[in-house]
Amino acid sequence: MKSAKTTTVAAKTAANASSKVVGDVDFKIEDNVPLPTTARPVRYFPFDKLKSGQSFLVLKDQRAGLRTSLAAYYKSSGETRTIIMRRQDDESIRVWRK
């Protein structure tokens, strides 16, 4: 593998679309930096395993990305079944399949 090559580029930043200069910003342009395999950790929620009348609980600290994951599940699977989410008293979320 080749070593990373770094070049520093000075750029001017402008506020909105005006030509007024706000400040100087230095960017490092690097060669041969491998792309990450994923952009972020993948969260797994068992939407595909739910049968009618079943549910699962998502704890408060696990809630991030739940709605996005559900939207991605619907889009990628072509699924049309109804998934319902409701916040519980302890700030967790209960997810049901109708």
Protein backbone atom coordinates (compact mmCIF):
# COMPACT_ATOMS: atom_id res chain seq x y z
CA MET A 1 0.00 0.00 0.00
CA LYS A 2 1.25 3.46 -0.82
CA SER A 3 1.78 5.88 2.02
CA ALA A 4 -0.66 8.76 2.37
CA LYS A 5 0.45 11.95 0.68
CA THR A 6 -0.66 15.18 2.34
CA THR A 7 -1.01 18.59 0.74
CA THR A 8 -2.20 21.70 2.60
CA VAL A 9 -4.55 24.02 0.75
CA ALA A 10 -5.57 27.44 2.05
CA ALA A 11 -9.13 28.43 1.21
CA LYS A 12 -11.20 31.50 1.93
CA THR A 13 -14.65 31.01 3.46
CA ALA A 14 -17.43 33.40 2.59
CA ALA A 15 -20.58 34.20 4.54
CA ASN A 16 -23.69 33.23 2.56
CA ALA A 17 -23.18 33.99 -1.15
CA SER A 18 -21.44 37.33 -0.61
CA SER A 19 -17.78 37.91 -1.31
CA LYS A 20 -17.06 39.00 2.25
CA VAL A 21 -14.25 36.88 3.66
CA VAL A 22 -14.94 35.43 7.11
CA GLY A 23 -11.64 33.64 7.65
CA ASP A 24 -8.92 31.35 6.32
CA VAL A 25 -9.39 27.59 6.50
CA ASP A 26 -6.63 25.03 5.87
CA PHE A 27 -7.64 21.70 4.34
CA LYS A 28 -5.35 18.70 4.17
CA ILE A 29 -5.77 16.81 0.90
CA GLU A 30 -4.61 13.23 1.37
CA ASP A 31 -3.96 10.40 -1.10
CA ASN A 32 -4.42 6.66 -0.52
CA VAL A 33 -6.66 6.86 2.55
CA PRO A 34 -8.93 3.77 2.49
CA LEU A 35 -12.71 4.27 2.49
CA PRO A 36 -14.49 2.98 5.58
CA THR A 37 -16.53 -0.19 5.07
CA THR A 38 -19.62 1.46 6.58
CA ALA A 39 -20.48 5.07 7.25
CA ARG A 40 -21.69 4.33 10.77
CA PRO A 41 -22.54 1.37 12.95
CA VAL A 42 -25.55 -0.56 11.71
CA ARG A 43 -28.35 -0.91 14.23
CA TYR A 44 -30.49 -4.00 14.11
CA PHE A 45 -34.11 -3.94 15.08
CA PRO A 46 -36.06 -7.17 14.40
CA PHE A 47 -38.85 -5.68 12.23
CA ASP A 48 -38.73 -8.66 9.85
CA LYS A 49 -39.18 -11.21 12.65
CA LEU A 50 -42.33 -9.67 14.19
CA LYS A 51 -45.56 -11.60 13.74
CA SER A 52 -48.97 -10.02 14.11
CA GLY A 53 -49.60 -9.09 17.77
CA GLN A 54 -45.92 -9.35 18.79
CA SER A 55 -43.81 -6.47 20.08
CA PHE A 56 -40.33 -5.59 21.31
CA LEU A 57 -39.02 -2.89 23.63
CA VAL A 58 -36.31 -0.39 22.69
CA LEU A 59 -34.65 1.10 25.77
CA LYS A 60 -34.10 4.85 26.06
CA ASP A 61 -30.36 4.62 25.29
CA GLN A 62 -31.02 2.42 22.22
CA ARG A 63 -33.64 4.66 20.56
CA ALA A 64 -31.33 6.60 18.22
CA GLY A 65 -32.00 5.63 14.64
CA LEU A 66 -35.18 3.64 15.30
CA ARG A 67 -37.41 5.65 12.94
CA THR A 68 -34.70 5.84 10.30
CA SER A 69 -34.15 2.09 10.55
CA LEU A 70 -37.87 1.45 10.15
CA ALA A 71 -38.02 3.69 7.07
CA ALA A 72 -34.99 1.92 5.58
CA TYR A 73 -36.61 -1.46 6.34
CA TYR A 74 -39.83 -0.48 4.56
CA LYS A 75 -37.89 0.88 1.57
CA SER A 76 -35.47 -2.03 1.16
CA SER A 77 -37.92 -4.86 1.81
CA GLY A 78 -41.00 -3.51 0.05
CA GLU A 79 -42.87 -4.48 3.23
CA THR A 80 -46.40 -3.18 3.67
CA ARG A 81 -47.33 -4.53 7.10
CA THR A 82 -48.11 -2.00 9.79
CA ILE A 83 -45.51 -1.32 12.48
CA ILE A 84 -46.64 0.85 15.41
CA MET A 85 -44.31 2.61 17.87
CA ARG A 86 -45.36 4.18 21.17
CA ARG A 87 -43.29 5.88 23.87
CA GLN A 88 -43.61 4.26 27.30
CA ASP A 89 -43.64 5.97 30.72
CA ASP A 90 -39.93 5.19 31.25
CA GLU A 91 -39.01 6.88 27.89
CA SER A 92 -38.43 3.52 26.19
CA ILE A 93 -40.33 2.73 23.00
CA ARG A 94 -42.54 -0.31 22.43
CA VAL A 95 -42.77 -1.49 18.79
CA TRP A 96 -45.69 -3.69 17.63
CA ARG A 97 -46.71 -5.39 14.44
CA LYS A 98 -50.41 -4.92 13.84
